[in-house]
């Protein structure tokens, strides 16, 4: 069987050419991928920061709630008077007291009231170190007087997505 010139031209038009993509096609695809990547990268950074901020708010709320529960228990005289100092105004002396617990008043078995399982880590700094304020400190104070723990704040130096510094949350 012989193939004529006309049949050979038809076969060449129907069958795809040999080889791969041209250099221009590869550059166009790479440029499209680059544009898409530059659009996604800032969104992922904001998403990560937003997630850390949500975790920071949760940790602060957890500790502040534990401080409030300790204060309520002290006011209701559920904590042994041996553990309460007159100057502490019913607030815990430190964050570790919320984890260790306080001896329940009038309980011969020395049952302890616990308010936190552990001190949460600050997601912005990655450490379990928090700024503390006592009842006697000024509201804007950045140094802890050491008398008791009235409030906690983050020691991270950054600013949140809402424009407020983390230490003011």
N, C-alpha and C. Protein backbone atom coordinates (compact mmCIF):
# COMPACT_ATOMS: atom_id res chain seq x y z
N UNK A 1 0.85 -1.16 0.00
CA UNK A 1 0.00 0.00 0.00
C UNK A 1 0.90 1.23 0.00
N UNK A 2 0.63 2.13 -0.90
CA UNK A 2 1.42 3.34 -1.02
C UNK A 2 0.58 4.53 -0.59
N UNK A 3 1.25 5.46 0.06
CA UNK A 3 0.57 6.68 0.53
C UNK A 3 0.94 7.78 -0.44
N UNK A 4 -0.08 8.41 -0.96
CA UNK A 4 0.14 9.49 -1.90
C UNK A 4 0.48 10.78 -1.14
N UNK A 5 0.94 11.75 -1.84
CA UNK A 5 1.30 13.03 -1.22
C UNK A 5 0.12 13.72 -0.58
N UNK A 6 -1.04 13.64 -1.23
CA UNK A 6 -2.25 14.27 -0.69
C UNK A 6 -2.67 13.59 0.62
N UNK A 7 -2.61 12.30 0.69
CA UNK A 7 -2.98 11.55 1.90
C UNK A 7 -2.01 11.87 3.03
N UNK A 8 -0.74 12.05 2.74
CA UNK A 8 0.25 12.36 3.76
C UNK A 8 -0.01 13.73 4.38
N UNK A 9 -0.42 14.69 3.55
CA UNK A 9 -0.76 16.02 4.07
C UNK A 9 -1.98 15.97 4.98
N UNK A 10 -2.96 15.16 4.66
CA UNK A 10 -4.17 15.02 5.49
C UNK A 10 -3.80 14.39 6.83
N UNK A 11 -2.97 13.39 6.83
CA UNK A 11 -2.56 12.71 8.05
C UNK A 11 -1.79 13.68 8.94
N UNK A 12 -0.95 14.51 8.39
CA UNK A 12 -0.18 15.47 9.19
C UNK A 12 -1.07 16.52 9.82
N UNK A 13 -2.14 16.92 9.11
CA UNK A 13 -3.06 17.91 9.68
C UNK A 13 -3.89 17.31 10.80
N UNK A 14 -4.29 16.05 10.68
CA UNK A 14 -5.16 15.41 11.67
C UNK A 14 -4.37 15.01 12.91
N UNK A 15 -3.21 14.44 12.77
CA UNK A 15 -2.41 13.99 13.91
C UNK A 15 -1.72 15.19 14.56
N UNK A 16 -1.67 15.20 15.90
CA UNK A 16 -1.00 16.32 16.56
C UNK A 16 0.49 16.29 16.29
N UNK A 17 1.09 17.43 16.39
CA UNK A 17 2.52 17.50 16.13
C UNK A 17 3.29 16.90 17.31
N UNK A 18 4.45 16.52 17.08
CA UNK A 18 5.31 15.95 18.10
C UNK A 18 5.85 17.07 18.98
N UNK A 19 6.22 16.75 20.24
CA UNK A 19 6.82 17.75 21.12
C UNK A 19 5.88 18.14 22.24
N UNK A 20 6.25 19.18 22.99
CA UNK A 20 5.47 19.62 24.13
C UNK A 20 4.99 21.04 23.94
N UNK A 21 5.01 21.75 25.05
CA UNK A 21 4.56 23.14 25.02
C UNK A 21 5.70 24.04 24.55
N UNK A 22 5.32 25.11 23.96
CA UNK A 22 6.33 26.06 23.52
C UNK A 22 6.81 26.88 24.72
N UNK A 23 7.93 27.51 24.57
CA UNK A 23 8.50 28.32 25.65
C UNK A 23 7.57 29.47 26.04
N UNK A 24 6.90 30.05 25.07
CA UNK A 24 5.98 31.16 25.33
C UNK A 24 4.79 30.67 26.16
N UNK A 25 4.28 29.50 25.85
CA UNK A 25 3.17 28.95 26.61
C UNK A 25 3.57 28.70 28.07
N UNK A 26 4.76 28.19 28.29
CA UNK A 26 5.25 27.95 29.66
C UNK A 26 5.40 29.26 30.43
N UNK A 27 5.88 30.31 29.80
CA UNK A 27 6.03 31.60 30.46
C UNK A 27 4.67 32.17 30.83
N UNK A 28 3.69 32.04 29.94
CA UNK A 28 2.34 32.54 30.22
C UNK A 28 1.74 31.80 31.42
N UNK A 29 1.87 30.49 31.48
CA UNK A 29 1.34 29.70 32.60
C UNK A 29 2.05 30.08 33.89
N UNK A 30 3.36 30.24 33.85
CA UNK A 30 4.12 30.63 35.04
C UNK A 30 3.69 32.01 35.53
N UNK A 31 3.43 32.93 34.62
CA UNK A 31 2.99 34.27 35.01
C UNK A 31 1.61 34.23 35.66
N UNK A 32 0.72 33.41 35.13
CA UNK A 32 -0.62 33.28 35.74
C UNK A 32 -0.52 32.70 37.14
N UNK A 33 0.29 31.67 37.32
CA UNK A 33 0.48 31.07 38.65
C UNK A 33 1.09 32.08 39.61
N UNK A 34 2.04 32.89 39.16
CA UNK A 34 2.66 33.90 40.00
C UNK A 34 1.64 34.95 40.46
N UNK A 35 0.78 35.39 39.55
CA UNK A 35 -0.25 36.37 39.90
C UNK A 35 -1.20 35.78 40.95
N UNK A 36 -1.62 34.56 40.75
CA UNK A 36 -2.53 33.92 41.71
C UNK A 36 -1.86 33.73 43.07
N UNK A 37 -0.60 33.36 43.08
CA UNK A 37 0.12 33.15 44.34
C UNK A 37 0.28 34.47 45.11
N UNK A 38 0.56 35.55 44.41
CA UNK A 38 0.72 36.84 45.10
C UNK A 38 -0.61 37.34 45.65
N UNK A 39 -1.72 36.90 45.08
CA UNK A 39 -3.03 37.29 45.60
C UNK A 39 -3.41 36.46 46.82
N UNK A 40 -2.99 35.21 46.88
CA UNK A 40 -3.36 34.31 47.97
C UNK A 40 -2.47 34.50 49.19
N UNK A 41 -1.22 34.81 49.03
CA UNK A 41 -0.28 34.91 50.15
C UNK A 41 -0.71 35.92 51.21
N UNK A 42 -1.08 37.15 50.88
CA UNK A 42 -1.52 38.07 51.93
C UNK A 42 -2.78 37.59 52.64
N UNK A 43 -3.67 36.94 51.93
CA UNK A 43 -4.89 36.42 52.55
C UNK A 43 -4.56 35.35 53.57
N UNK A 44 -3.58 34.51 53.28
CA UNK A 44 -3.22 33.45 54.22
C UNK A 44 -2.53 34.04 55.46
N UNK A 45 -1.73 35.09 55.28
CA UNK A 45 -1.08 35.74 56.43
C UNK A 45 -2.12 36.38 57.35
N UNK A 46 -3.12 37.02 56.77
CA UNK A 46 -4.18 37.64 57.57
C UNK A 46 -4.99 36.55 58.26
N UNK A 47 -5.21 35.45 57.58
CA UNK A 47 -5.95 34.34 58.20
C UNK A 47 -5.23 33.76 59.39
N UNK A 48 -3.92 33.63 59.30
CA UNK A 48 -3.12 33.11 60.42
C UNK A 48 -3.16 34.10 61.57
N UNK A 49 -3.00 35.39 61.29
CA UNK A 49 -3.04 36.39 62.35
C UNK A 49 -4.42 36.43 63.01
N UNK A 50 -5.46 36.33 62.22
CA UNK A 50 -6.83 36.33 62.77
C UNK A 50 -7.03 35.14 63.70
N UNK A 51 -6.51 33.97 63.32
CA UNK A 51 -6.65 32.78 64.15
C UNK A 51 -5.91 32.95 65.47
N UNK A 52 -4.72 33.55 65.43
CA UNK A 52 -3.98 33.81 66.68
C UNK A 52 -4.73 34.79 67.57
N UNK A 53 -5.35 35.79 66.96
CA UNK A 53 -6.10 36.77 67.74
C UNK A 53 -7.33 36.13 68.40
N UNK A 54 -7.98 35.22 67.69
CA UNK A 54 -9.12 34.50 68.28
C UNK A 54 -8.64 33.68 69.47
N UNK A 55 -7.50 33.03 69.34
CA UNK A 55 -6.94 32.23 70.43
C UNK A 55 -6.53 33.13 71.61
N UNK A 56 -6.00 34.31 71.33
CA UNK A 56 -5.63 35.25 72.39
C UNK A 56 -6.86 35.71 73.15
N UNK A 57 -7.90 36.05 72.45
CA UNK A 57 -9.15 36.47 73.12
C UNK A 57 -9.71 35.35 73.99
N UNK A 58 -9.65 34.12 73.49
CA UNK A 58 -10.14 32.97 74.26
C UNK A 58 -9.32 32.78 75.53
N UNK A 59 -8.00 32.86 75.42
CA UNK A 59 -7.13 32.67 76.58
C UNK A 59 -7.36 33.77 77.62
N UNK A 60 -7.47 35.01 77.16
CA UNK A 60 -7.72 36.11 78.10
C UNK A 60 -9.08 35.94 78.79
N UNK A 61 -10.08 35.55 78.03
CA UNK A 61 -11.41 35.36 78.62
C UNK A 61 -11.38 34.22 79.64
N UNK A 62 -10.66 33.14 79.32
CA UNK A 62 -10.56 32.00 80.24
C UNK A 62 -9.91 32.41 81.56
N UNK A 63 -8.81 33.15 81.49
CA UNK A 63 -8.11 33.56 82.71
C UNK A 63 -8.93 34.58 83.50
N UNK A 64 -9.54 35.53 82.81
CA UNK A 64 -10.34 36.54 83.50
C UNK A 64 -11.56 35.91 84.16
N UNK A 65 -12.15 34.92 83.53
CA UNK A 65 -13.28 34.21 84.14
C UNK A 65 -12.82 33.45 85.38
N UNK A 66 -11.64 32.83 85.31
CA UNK A 66 -11.10 32.12 86.48
C UNK A 66 -10.83 33.09 87.62
N UNK A 67 -10.29 34.27 87.31
CA UNK A 67 -10.05 35.28 88.35
C UNK A 67 -11.38 35.71 88.99
N UNK A 68 -12.39 35.90 88.16
CA UNK A 68 -13.71 36.28 88.68
C UNK A 68 -14.31 35.19 89.56
N UNK A 69 -14.14 33.92 89.17
CA UNK A 69 -14.66 32.82 89.98
C UNK A 69 -13.92 32.73 91.32
N UNK A 70 -12.62 32.98 91.30
CA UNK A 70 -11.86 33.00 92.56
C UNK A 70 -12.38 34.12 93.46
N UNK A 71 -12.58 35.29 92.88
CA UNK A 71 -13.09 36.44 93.65
C UNK A 71 -14.46 36.13 94.22
N UNK A 72 -15.35 35.52 93.42
CA UNK A 72 -16.68 35.15 93.90
C UNK A 72 -16.59 34.15 95.06
N UNK A 73 -15.71 33.15 94.93
CA UNK A 73 -15.55 32.15 96.00
C UNK A 73 -15.00 32.80 97.27
N UNK A 74 -14.08 33.76 97.11
CA UNK A 74 -13.54 34.46 98.29
C UNK A 74 -14.62 35.31 98.95
N UNK A 75 -15.42 36.00 98.14
CA UNK A 75 -16.49 36.84 98.69
C UNK A 75 -17.56 36.01 99.39
N UNK A 76 -17.81 34.80 98.90
CA UNK A 76 -18.80 33.91 99.51
C UNK A 76 -18.20 33.07 100.64
N UNK A 77 -16.95 33.35 100.98
CA UNK A 77 -16.22 32.68 102.05
C UNK A 77 -16.13 31.16 101.83
N UNK A 78 -15.94 30.78 100.59
CA UNK A 78 -15.74 29.37 100.26
C UNK A 78 -14.27 28.99 100.29
N UNK A 79 -13.39 29.98 100.39
CA UNK A 79 -11.95 29.74 100.46
C UNK A 79 -11.50 29.93 101.89
N UNK A 80 -10.62 29.05 102.34
CA UNK A 80 -10.13 29.11 103.72
C UNK A 80 -9.50 30.46 104.01
N UNK A 81 -9.79 31.01 105.16
CA UNK A 81 -9.23 32.31 105.56
C UNK A 81 -7.72 32.27 105.71
N UNK A 82 -7.15 31.07 105.89
CA UNK A 82 -5.70 30.95 106.03
C UNK A 82 -4.98 31.30 104.73
N UNK A 83 -5.67 31.17 103.62
CA UNK A 83 -5.05 31.44 102.32
C UNK A 83 -5.28 32.87 101.84
N UNK A 84 -6.18 33.58 102.45
CA UNK A 84 -6.51 34.94 102.02
C UNK A 84 -5.73 35.96 102.84
N UNK A 85 -5.13 36.88 102.17
CA UNK A 85 -4.43 37.99 102.81
C UNK A 85 -5.38 39.18 102.91
N UNK A 86 -5.27 40.00 103.91
CA UNK A 86 -6.19 41.14 104.04
C UNK A 86 -6.07 42.14 102.89
N UNK A 87 -4.88 42.31 102.31
CA UNK A 87 -4.67 43.30 101.26
C UNK A 87 -5.02 42.81 99.86
N UNK A 88 -5.33 41.54 99.72
CA UNK A 88 -5.54 41.03 98.36
C UNK A 88 -6.95 41.28 97.82
N UNK A 89 -7.83 41.81 98.62
CA UNK A 89 -9.19 42.18 98.19
C UNK A 89 -9.98 41.00 97.63
N UNK A 90 -9.57 39.78 97.97
CA UNK A 90 -10.28 38.60 97.50
C UNK A 90 -9.81 38.10 96.15
N UNK A 91 -8.77 38.69 95.60
CA UNK A 91 -8.24 38.25 94.30
C UNK A 91 -7.08 37.29 94.54
N UNK A 92 -6.78 36.41 93.57
CA UNK A 92 -5.68 35.45 93.75
C UNK A 92 -4.33 36.15 93.82
N UNK A 93 -3.40 35.60 94.60
CA UNK A 93 -2.08 36.22 94.70
C UNK A 93 -1.26 36.13 93.42
N UNK A 94 -1.51 35.09 92.61
CA UNK A 94 -0.82 34.92 91.33
C UNK A 94 -1.63 33.97 90.45
N UNK A 95 -1.21 33.79 89.21
CA UNK A 95 -1.94 32.90 88.31
C UNK A 95 -1.78 31.44 88.69
N UNK A 96 -0.66 31.10 89.27
CA UNK A 96 -0.42 29.72 89.67
C UNK A 96 -1.43 29.26 90.72
N UNK A 97 -1.92 30.16 91.54
CA UNK A 97 -2.92 29.82 92.55
C UNK A 97 -4.21 29.35 91.88
N UNK A 98 -4.52 29.89 90.73
CA UNK A 98 -5.72 29.46 90.01
C UNK A 98 -5.58 28.02 89.52
N UNK A 99 -4.35 27.60 89.23
CA UNK A 99 -4.09 26.23 88.78
C UNK A 99 -4.02 25.27 89.96
N UNK A 100 -3.24 25.64 90.99
CA UNK A 100 -3.10 24.77 92.17
C UNK A 100 -4.40 24.68 92.96
N UNK A 101 -5.13 25.77 92.98
CA UNK A 101 -6.39 25.80 93.70
C UNK A 101 -6.23 26.36 95.10
N UNK A 102 -7.36 26.58 95.74
CA UNK A 102 -7.39 27.11 97.11
C UNK A 102 -8.15 26.13 97.98
N UNK A 103 -7.74 26.03 99.22
CA UNK A 103 -8.39 25.10 100.15
C UNK A 103 -9.80 25.57 100.44
N UNK A 104 -10.73 24.65 100.35
CA UNK A 104 -12.14 24.95 100.59
C UNK A 104 -12.35 25.21 102.08
N UNK A 105 -13.09 26.24 102.40
CA UNK A 105 -13.32 26.62 103.80
C UNK A 105 -14.19 25.58 104.49
N UNK A 106 -13.83 25.27 105.73
CA UNK A 106 -14.62 24.35 106.56
C UNK A 106 -14.60 22.91 106.09
N UNK A 107 -13.62 22.51 105.29
CA UNK A 107 -13.55 21.14 104.79
C UNK A 107 -12.37 20.45 105.45
N UNK A 108 -12.66 19.42 106.23
CA UNK A 108 -11.60 18.70 106.95
C UNK A 108 -10.74 17.86 106.01
N UNK A 109 -11.24 17.54 104.85
CA UNK A 109 -10.47 16.71 103.91
C UNK A 109 -9.52 17.53 103.04
N UNK A 110 -9.47 18.84 103.27
CA UNK A 110 -8.57 19.74 102.52
C UNK A 110 -8.84 19.71 101.01
N UNK A 111 -10.11 19.67 100.65
CA UNK A 111 -10.49 19.73 99.24
C UNK A 111 -10.08 21.08 98.67
N UNK A 112 -9.56 21.05 97.45
CA UNK A 112 -9.10 22.29 96.83
C UNK A 112 -10.06 22.69 95.71
N UNK A 113 -10.36 23.98 95.67
CA UNK A 113 -11.14 24.55 94.59
C UNK A 113 -10.17 24.99 93.50
N UNK A 114 -10.28 24.39 92.32
CA UNK A 114 -9.40 24.74 91.20
C UNK A 114 -10.18 25.59 90.21
N UNK A 115 -9.48 26.54 89.61
CA UNK A 115 -10.14 27.48 88.72
C UNK A 115 -9.61 27.43 87.29
N UNK A 116 -8.40 26.90 87.11
CA UNK A 116 -7.80 26.70 85.78
C UNK A 116 -7.12 25.34 85.74
N UNK A 117 -7.14 24.68 84.60
CA UNK A 117 -6.38 23.44 84.45
C UNK A 117 -4.89 23.73 84.26
N UNK A 118 -4.63 24.78 83.49
CA UNK A 118 -3.25 25.20 83.24
C UNK A 118 -3.28 26.66 82.84
N UNK A 119 -2.14 27.31 82.93
CA UNK A 119 -2.05 28.69 82.45
C UNK A 119 -1.87 28.63 80.94
N UNK A 120 -2.79 29.22 80.19
CA UNK A 120 -2.69 29.15 78.72
C UNK A 120 -1.46 29.89 78.20
N UNK A 121 -1.00 29.48 77.04
CA UNK A 121 0.11 30.19 76.41
C UNK A 121 -0.43 31.36 75.60
N UNK A 122 0.35 32.41 75.55
CA UNK A 122 0.00 33.58 74.74
C UNK A 122 0.32 33.23 73.30
N UNK A 123 -0.67 33.14 72.41
CA UNK A 123 -0.38 32.74 71.03
C UNK A 123 0.49 33.74 70.27
N UNK A 124 0.55 34.97 70.73
CA UNK A 124 1.36 35.97 70.04
C UNK A 124 2.84 35.83 70.40
N UNK A 125 3.14 35.44 71.63
CA UNK A 125 4.53 35.29 72.06
C UNK A 125 4.96 33.82 72.11
N UNK A 126 3.99 32.90 72.21
CA UNK A 126 4.31 31.48 72.30
C UNK A 126 4.73 31.04 73.69
N UNK A 127 4.58 31.90 74.68
CA UNK A 127 4.98 31.58 76.05
C UNK A 127 3.79 31.76 76.99
N UNK A 128 3.90 31.16 78.16
CA UNK A 128 2.84 31.27 79.17
C UNK A 128 3.11 32.45 80.10
N UNK A 129 3.75 33.47 79.59
CA UNK A 129 4.03 34.68 80.37
C UNK A 129 3.00 35.74 80.02
N UNK A 130 2.37 36.30 81.04
CA UNK A 130 1.33 37.31 80.85
C UNK A 130 1.65 38.53 81.68
N UNK A 131 1.19 39.67 81.23
CA UNK A 131 1.27 40.87 82.03
C UNK A 131 0.16 40.84 83.07
N UNK A 132 0.47 41.26 84.27
CA UNK A 132 -0.49 41.20 85.37
C UNK A 132 -0.75 42.59 85.93
N UNK A 133 -1.96 42.79 86.42
CA UNK A 133 -2.31 44.02 87.13
C UNK A 133 -2.96 43.62 88.44
N UNK A 134 -2.63 44.34 89.49
CA UNK A 134 -3.28 44.09 90.77
C UNK A 134 -4.40 45.11 90.96
N UNK A 135 -5.22 44.86 91.95
CA UNK A 135 -6.34 45.74 92.24
C UNK A 135 -5.84 47.15 92.59
N UNK A 136 -4.66 47.23 93.19
CA UNK A 136 -4.11 48.51 93.62
C UNK A 136 -3.40 49.26 92.49
N UNK A 137 -3.10 48.59 91.38
CA UNK A 137 -2.39 49.24 90.26
C UNK A 137 -3.32 50.17 89.49
N UNK A 138 -2.72 51.11 88.79
CA UNK A 138 -3.49 51.99 87.90
C UNK A 138 -3.93 51.17 86.68
N UNK A 139 -5.07 51.51 86.08
CA UNK A 139 -5.56 50.73 84.93
C UNK A 139 -4.59 50.67 83.75
N UNK A 140 -3.83 51.72 83.53
CA UNK A 140 -2.91 51.74 82.38
C UNK A 140 -1.50 51.25 82.75
N UNK A 141 -1.32 50.79 83.97
CA UNK A 141 -0.01 50.36 84.45
C UNK A 141 0.50 49.16 83.64
N UNK A 142 1.80 49.16 83.37
CA UNK A 142 2.42 48.03 82.69
C UNK A 142 3.34 47.24 83.63
N UNK A 143 3.39 47.64 84.90
CA UNK A 143 4.17 46.88 85.87
C UNK A 143 3.23 46.41 86.98
N UNK A 144 3.45 45.19 87.41
CA UNK A 144 2.59 44.57 88.41
C UNK A 144 3.09 44.93 89.80
N UNK A 145 2.17 45.40 90.64
CA UNK A 145 2.52 45.74 92.01
C UNK A 145 2.81 44.53 92.88
N UNK A 146 2.31 43.35 92.51
CA UNK A 146 2.61 42.12 93.23
C UNK A 146 1.62 41.77 94.33
N UNK A 147 0.63 42.62 94.61
CA UNK A 147 -0.28 42.33 95.71
C UNK A 147 -1.24 41.19 95.35
N UNK A 148 -1.85 41.22 94.19
CA UNK A 148 -2.81 40.22 93.76
C UNK A 148 -2.96 40.31 92.25
N UNK A 149 -3.78 39.43 91.69
CA UNK A 149 -4.01 39.45 90.24
C UNK A 149 -5.45 39.87 90.00
N UNK A 150 -5.62 41.08 89.54
CA UNK A 150 -6.93 41.64 89.23
C UNK A 150 -7.24 41.49 87.74
N UNK A 151 -6.20 41.56 86.89
CA UNK A 151 -6.39 41.48 85.45
C UNK A 151 -5.13 40.95 84.79
N UNK A 152 -5.28 40.40 83.58
CA UNK A 152 -4.15 39.91 82.78
C UNK A 152 -4.21 40.57 81.41
N UNK A 153 -3.05 40.66 80.77
CA UNK A 153 -2.98 41.20 79.41
C UNK A 153 -1.79 40.56 78.71
N UNK A 154 -1.79 40.64 77.39
CA UNK A 154 -0.72 40.07 76.59
C UNK A 154 0.51 40.98 76.64
N UNK A 155 1.68 40.37 76.66
CA UNK A 155 2.92 41.14 76.63
C UNK A 155 3.44 41.32 75.20
N UNK A 156 2.67 40.83 74.22
CA UNK A 156 3.08 40.97 72.81
C UNK A 156 3.07 42.45 72.43
N UNK A 157 4.01 42.84 71.61
CA UNK A 157 4.15 44.24 71.25
C UNK A 157 3.40 44.67 70.01
N UNK A 158 2.69 43.77 69.38
CA UNK A 158 2.04 44.09 68.12
C UNK A 158 0.68 44.75 68.26
N UNK A 159 0.10 45.02 67.11
CA UNK A 159 -1.23 45.62 67.03
C UNK A 159 -2.14 44.65 66.30
N UNK A 160 -3.37 44.53 66.77
CA UNK A 160 -4.32 43.62 66.18
C UNK A 160 -4.88 44.13 64.87
N UNK A 161 -5.64 43.28 64.20
CA UNK A 161 -6.27 43.67 62.95
C UNK A 161 -7.28 44.79 63.14
N UNK A 162 -7.77 44.95 64.37
CA UNK A 162 -8.73 46.02 64.66
C UNK A 162 -8.04 47.33 65.01
N UNK A 163 -6.70 47.36 65.01
CA UNK A 163 -5.95 48.58 65.26
C UNK A 163 -5.64 48.83 66.73
N UNK A 164 -6.03 47.92 67.62
CA UNK A 164 -5.77 48.09 69.05
C UNK A 164 -4.59 47.20 69.42
N UNK A 165 -3.69 47.76 70.25
CA UNK A 165 -2.52 46.99 70.70
C UNK A 165 -2.96 45.78 71.52
N UNK A 166 -2.22 44.67 71.39
CA UNK A 166 -2.57 43.45 72.10
C UNK A 166 -2.55 43.65 73.62
N UNK A 167 -1.69 44.51 74.10
CA UNK A 167 -1.60 44.73 75.55
C UNK A 167 -2.81 45.48 76.10
N UNK A 168 -3.64 46.02 75.22
CA UNK A 168 -4.84 46.76 75.66
C UNK A 168 -6.10 45.92 75.55
N UNK A 169 -6.00 44.66 75.12
CA UNK A 169 -7.18 43.83 74.97
C UNK A 169 -7.73 43.42 76.30
